[in-house]
């Protein structure tokens, strides 16, 4: 079955060019030229992944991302931005996107990012399907995560990070190591994306995200999962 990608981009030339390249890779591509249309198509068609421009007529990409993430937490989202300031990238990541690319972008790199995200969407099920640790349950078969029996909505990237830590309790992972294991060794980007995702996970699973007791910082190295 073809993977379905929703491309939300108001510049027709970029949208058509990107669509051609995606279809050459075997993806089914849905198009939207505005945020409102993008949300409508997402609700109607439930794509596997969304490529989302920030600067859109009507509601912007940040708001579209929040809406889609709230209604469809397991859809992958890659945000496109013509801006290069770190603050814009961080705002996009905080709104729930899994990755970002700065325009103009190389279509080959975009394909690599998409395939990397799809790998995270398809969290591998190996040996044990369910991992129990303190108040947490990771159901790898249904790709669901629970705290005290209540499901915690995680993005595909956040779920992959949780899966990495819970299958390696007590192991300290360096930021570059997390980047390679989650985003892929061919990922072109900086380690800030790791820190933002860790911060987002902490707000969802910690009793006090400013004093984490589950997903710990290992100063000078990176992060580790404290076995409970």
Protein backbone atom coordinates (compact mmCIF):
# COMPACT_ATOMS: atom_id res chain seq x y z
CA UNK A 1 0.00 0.00 0.00
CA UNK A 2 1.31 3.43 -0.92
CA UNK A 3 2.17 5.84 1.86
CA UNK A 4 -0.10 8.87 1.75
CA UNK A 5 1.52 12.31 2.10
CA UNK A 6 -0.36 15.58 2.50
CA UNK A 7 1.58 18.52 1.05
CA UNK A 8 0.40 21.88 2.42
CA UNK A 9 2.18 24.62 0.45
CA UNK A 10 0.72 27.82 -1.03
CA UNK A 11 3.46 28.35 -3.66
CA UNK A 12 2.23 26.33 -6.62
CA UNK A 13 5.66 25.93 -8.24
CA UNK A 14 7.15 24.45 -5.05
CA UNK A 15 4.09 22.29 -4.47
CA UNK A 16 4.07 20.84 -8.00
CA UNK A 17 7.84 20.26 -8.04
CA UNK A 18 7.75 18.54 -4.65
CA UNK A 19 4.75 16.42 -5.66
CA UNK A 20 6.55 15.16 -8.78
CA UNK A 21 9.58 14.10 -6.73
CA UNK A 22 7.43 12.39 -4.08
CA UNK A 23 5.38 10.50 -6.65
CA UNK A 24 8.60 9.28 -8.30
CA UNK A 25 9.42 7.67 -4.95
CA UNK A 26 6.09 5.86 -4.93
CA UNK A 27 4.14 8.09 -2.53
CA UNK A 28 0.52 9.10 -2.96
CA UNK A 29 0.41 12.90 -2.68
CA UNK A 30 -2.53 15.04 -1.58
CA UNK A 31 -2.25 18.80 -2.16
CA UNK A 32 -3.49 21.80 -0.19
CA UNK A 33 -2.75 25.46 -0.91
CA UNK A 34 -3.93 26.80 2.45
CA UNK A 35 -3.98 25.80 6.10
CA UNK A 36 -7.75 25.46 6.21
CA UNK A 37 -7.80 23.16 3.19
CA UNK A 38 -4.93 21.17 4.66
CA UNK A 39 -6.84 20.55 7.90
CA UNK A 40 -9.96 19.56 5.94
CA UNK A 41 -8.03 17.05 3.82
CA UNK A 42 -6.26 15.64 6.87
CA UNK A 43 -9.60 15.06 8.57
CA UNK A 44 -11.06 13.45 5.47
CA UNK A 45 -8.14 11.34 4.29
CA UNK A 46 -5.90 10.77 7.38
CA UNK A 47 -2.51 10.82 5.65
CA UNK A 48 0.53 9.00 7.02
CA UNK A 49 2.63 12.14 6.91
CA UNK A 50 2.20 15.90 6.40
CA UNK A 51 4.69 18.27 4.79
CA UNK A 52 3.67 21.67 6.07
CA UNK A 53 4.80 25.16 5.10
CA UNK A 54 4.82 27.73 7.90
CA UNK A 55 3.81 30.81 5.91
CA UNK A 56 0.32 30.06 4.63
CA UNK A 57 -2.70 32.20 3.78
CA UNK A 58 -5.32 32.07 6.54
CA UNK A 59 -4.18 30.00 9.49
CA UNK A 60 -0.42 29.50 9.49
CA UNK A 61 1.56 26.28 9.62
CA UNK A 62 2.04 26.42 13.39
CA UNK A 63 -1.71 26.41 13.97
CA UNK A 64 -2.29 23.70 11.36
CA UNK A 65 0.37 21.61 13.10
CA UNK A 66 -1.31 22.05 16.49
CA UNK A 67 -4.70 21.07 15.09
CA UNK A 68 -3.43 17.98 13.27
CA UNK A 69 -1.25 16.93 16.20
CA UNK A 70 -4.19 17.29 18.60
CA UNK A 71 -6.60 15.31 16.40
CA UNK A 72 -4.14 12.82 14.87
CA UNK A 73 -1.16 12.39 17.23
CA UNK A 74 0.36 9.53 15.24
CA UNK A 75 0.63 11.40 11.91
CA UNK A 76 4.20 12.41 11.05
CA UNK A 77 4.79 16.12 10.39
CA UNK A 78 7.69 17.82 8.61
CA UNK A 79 7.60 21.61 8.65
CA UNK A 80 9.02 23.80 5.87
CA UNK A 81 10.27 27.27 6.66
CA UNK A 82 11.91 30.02 4.62
CA UNK A 83 13.27 31.47 7.85
CA UNK A 84 16.64 30.46 9.29
CA UNK A 85 16.45 31.84 12.84
CA UNK A 86 16.64 29.14 15.49
CA UNK A 87 13.62 30.57 17.31
CA UNK A 88 11.37 29.76 14.37
CA UNK A 89 12.60 26.18 14.24
CA UNK A 90 12.09 25.76 17.98
CA UNK A 91 8.56 27.21 17.83
CA UNK A 92 7.75 24.73 15.08
CA UNK A 93 9.12 21.81 17.08
CA UNK A 94 7.29 22.92 20.22
CA UNK A 95 4.02 22.99 18.27
CA UNK A 96 4.43 19.27 17.62
CA UNK A 97 6.30 18.82 14.35
CA UNK A 98 8.70 15.88 14.05
CA UNK A 99 11.25 17.57 11.81
CA UNK A 100 11.87 20.76 9.85
CA UNK A 101 13.58 21.85 6.64
CA UNK A 102 14.64 25.32 5.54
CA UNK A 103 13.62 26.46 2.05
CA UNK A 104 14.98 26.27 -0.55
CA UNK A 105 15.61 22.58 0.07
CA UNK A 106 17.12 19.73 -1.91
CA UNK A 107 14.34 17.27 -2.87
CA UNK A 108 16.72 14.36 -2.29
CA UNK A 109 17.26 15.50 1.30
CA UNK A 110 13.50 15.85 1.78
CA UNK A 111 13.03 12.25 0.60
CA UNK A 112 15.66 11.11 3.11
CA UNK A 113 13.90 13.01 5.91
CA UNK A 114 10.56 11.46 4.91
CA UNK A 115 11.98 7.93 4.88
CA UNK A 116 13.62 8.53 8.25
CA UNK A 117 10.31 9.70 9.71
CA UNK A 118 8.48 6.73 8.21
CA UNK A 119 10.93 4.44 9.98
CA UNK A 120 9.94 6.15 13.23
CA UNK A 121 6.26 5.73 12.35
CA UNK A 122 6.93 2.01 11.99
CA UNK A 123 8.34 1.38 15.44
CA UNK A 124 9.72 -2.14 15.24
CA UNK A 125 8.04 -4.83 17.30
CA UNK A 126 10.72 -7.19 18.58
CA UNK A 127 10.50 -9.93 21.20
CA UNK A 128 8.30 -8.32 23.86
CA UNK A 129 5.42 -6.19 22.68
CA UNK A 130 4.78 -4.56 26.05
CA UNK A 131 7.29 -2.94 28.40
CA UNK A 132 6.31 -2.13 31.99
CA UNK A 133 8.37 0.26 34.10
CA UNK A 134 6.99 1.89 37.25
CA UNK A 135 3.87 3.89 36.32
CA UNK A 136 4.58 3.49 32.59
CA UNK A 137 3.46 0.99 29.98
CA UNK A 138 4.82 1.02 26.43
CA UNK A 139 2.65 -1.04 24.10
CA UNK A 140 4.89 -1.49 21.07
CA UNK A 141 2.26 -3.43 19.13
CA UNK A 142 -0.33 -0.64 19.16
CA UNK A 143 2.34 2.08 19.42
CA UNK A 144 0.74 3.46 22.57
CA UNK A 145 2.21 4.78 25.82
CA UNK A 146 0.49 4.98 29.21
CA UNK A 147 1.17 6.53 32.59
CA UNK A 148 -0.88 5.18 35.49
CA UNK A 149 -3.16 3.52 32.95
CA UNK A 150 -3.93 6.77 31.12
CA UNK A 151 -2.72 7.08 27.54
CA UNK A 152 -0.14 9.80 26.92
CA UNK A 153 -0.38 11.20 23.40
CA UNK A 154 3.09 11.10 21.84
CA UNK A 155 4.24 12.08 18.37
CA UNK A 156 5.92 9.33 16.29
CA UNK A 157 9.34 10.81 17.11
CA UNK A 158 8.58 11.07 20.83
CA UNK A 159 7.38 7.46 20.83
CA UNK A 160 10.59 6.34 19.12
CA UNK A 161 12.65 8.16 21.75
CA UNK A 162 10.64 6.59 24.59
CA UNK A 163 11.08 3.19 22.94
CA UNK A 164 14.84 3.72 22.75
CA UNK A 165 15.14 4.70 26.41
CA UNK A 166 12.75 2.11 27.86
CA UNK A 167 14.49 -0.72 26.02
CA UNK A 168 17.83 0.54 27.37
CA UNK A 169 17.09 1.61 30.97
CA UNK A 170 20.00 3.23 32.78
CA UNK A 171 22.06 3.72 29.62
CA UNK A 172 23.30 7.27 29.01
CA UNK A 173 22.84 8.31 25.39
CA UNK A 174 24.80 11.22 23.93
CA UNK A 175 22.81 13.71 21.85
CA UNK A 176 24.63 12.70 18.66
CA UNK A 177 23.90 9.06 19.42
CA UNK A 178 20.18 9.77 19.86
CA UNK A 179 20.23 11.78 16.63
CA UNK A 180 21.75 8.87 14.71
CA UNK A 181 19.48 6.22 16.23
CA UNK A 182 16.20 8.14 15.92
CA UNK A 183 16.63 10.49 12.96
CA UNK A 184 19.16 8.34 11.11
CA UNK A 185 22.88 8.64 10.41
CA UNK A 186 22.09 10.45 7.16
CA UNK A 187 20.17 13.21 8.99
CA UNK A 188 21.45 16.70 8.22
CA UNK A 189 20.68 18.93 11.18
CA UNK A 190 21.81 19.90 14.65
CA UNK A 191 21.32 18.28 18.04
CA UNK A 192 18.89 20.97 19.24
CA UNK A 193 16.09 18.88 17.77
CA UNK A 194 16.95 16.22 20.36
CA UNK A 195 16.75 18.67 23.27
CA UNK A 196 13.40 20.06 22.11
CA UNK A 197 11.87 16.59 21.83
CA UNK A 198 13.20 15.61 25.26
CA UNK A 199 11.70 18.78 26.73
CA UNK A 200 8.37 18.03 25.05
CA UNK A 201 8.35 14.45 26.39
CA UNK A 202 9.09 15.66 29.90
CA UNK A 203 6.11 18.01 29.89
CA UNK A 204 3.93 14.98 29.10
CA UNK A 205 5.35 12.33 31.45
CA UNK A 206 7.03 14.04 34.40
CA UNK A 207 5.19 15.19 37.52
CA UNK A 208 7.43 18.27 37.43
CA UNK A 209 9.17 18.76 34.07
CA UNK A 210 11.70 21.18 35.59
CA UNK A 211 12.80 18.44 38.02
CA UNK A 212 12.64 15.26 35.92
CA UNK A 213 12.88 11.96 37.76
CA UNK A 214 12.25 9.57 34.86
CA UNK A 215 14.03 11.04 31.83
CA UNK A 216 17.21 12.33 33.39
CA UNK A 217 19.89 14.69 32.09
CA UNK A 218 23.43 13.30 32.25
CA UNK A 219 25.48 16.47 32.35
CA UNK A 220 28.13 16.69 29.69
CA UNK A 221 26.76 13.63 27.89
CA UNK A 222 23.06 13.60 27.14
CA UNK A 223 20.10 11.74 28.64
CA UNK A 224 19.11 8.42 30.22
CA UNK A 225 15.96 6.64 31.39
CA UNK A 226 15.92 5.89 35.09
CA UNK A 227 14.52 2.42 35.65
CA UNK A 228 11.69 2.49 38.18
